[in-house]
Amino acid sequence: MLNHPDHRRQAMFASPYTWITSEAHKTSMSQLELSPGNSLCYEHTPPSRTGGLTFVCFNALTGDKAMWTGGIGPALLAAGHGLLTYNLRGQRGSDFTPGEFSVEQIVDDACALMELTAPERPVYVGLSIGGLFGLEAHLRGGVARARGLVLINTLRVENARLEWINDAVVRAAETGGLDLLRDLFAPLLFNVEWQARNRKDFLKDGPYRPLSKNDGAYLLLAAGSTANWDQPYEKIDVPVLSVTGLQDRVFYDGHAVNQLSARIPDITRIEMNNAGHMIPAERPAELTEAILVFAAGLEVGA
């Protein structure tokens, strides 16, 4: 069983939010034991009003659930909705045993968590590849079915460019760890405002430290290459909210987003000129407002 005492190295882009607990909303922080040495750290707050939804938040391969609990989470809870956040194996507080990770395994873990917690009227919210995790879980059906999907900078197509990016990320981690990844990719992933506020926290003096291939952060990054982006979008049978940050200089491909959006039967699209890839950290208020409007439509249609 492995966990990480050095939390600074875990988050490729450290969350600007603190760890939050809430007595008022009956928050429970728990551990799901998946198998010996493997677990998920999760936090589940049921809806506080009749008819409220539960927003289930899916992390990207880097970072942790504090991005949700300290960002959009409080406003969703204040509106009477529920919130379920968790960390993937290898992220903070979630144990893992050494070995190759895969997207299939990550989705298996998510489905196990849905079966255990049985969130009321779930809506899946995923950042980046986290949206793919939620989409695949929903398409499996059964206890993992959602009422709606919120895909934040998720839509993309598999091609040579995406493959190159995935391989380069892993290579950079092998060479200089997450600090090198932060320094290289932050100006490409975040909007200009965020860069101006946070530049002082990057490009520090001192050597970079490579990640061990047994480090959870490394295993998660390597799992990105196992993703299947060729999904049956026509079969998505629930409403979808797609949120795109136009200052994303790494993953955003307008043609691909248009192409995939046209295949989704019921989709609402929002494009943010003032956001990059990490919208929950860059524009939490605007994102929360968009999600609550989307949620109101789901409640009416319930």
Foldseek 3Di string as FASTA:
>chain_A
DDADPPQVQQALDEFPFDDDDDPVQVKDWDWADPDVFWIKTKIKGAFQDPLAEEEEEFEALGYAQRLQCGFLPVVSNVVRHMYMGIGFDLHHPTTDDFDADALVVRLVNVLVVLVVPVHDQYEYEYAACSQVSLVVQCVVDDSSNHQEYEYALHQAADDPQVVVVLVVLLVQLQVFGSLSVSQPCVQQFWFPVVCVVCVVVHPDDDGGDHDDCRRSSSSSSNNVVNDDNPDQQLPPPHEYEYEAEPSNRRGDDPVRVVVSVVSHPHYDYHYDPRTGRSCSRHPRPVVSVVVVVVSVVSSVVD
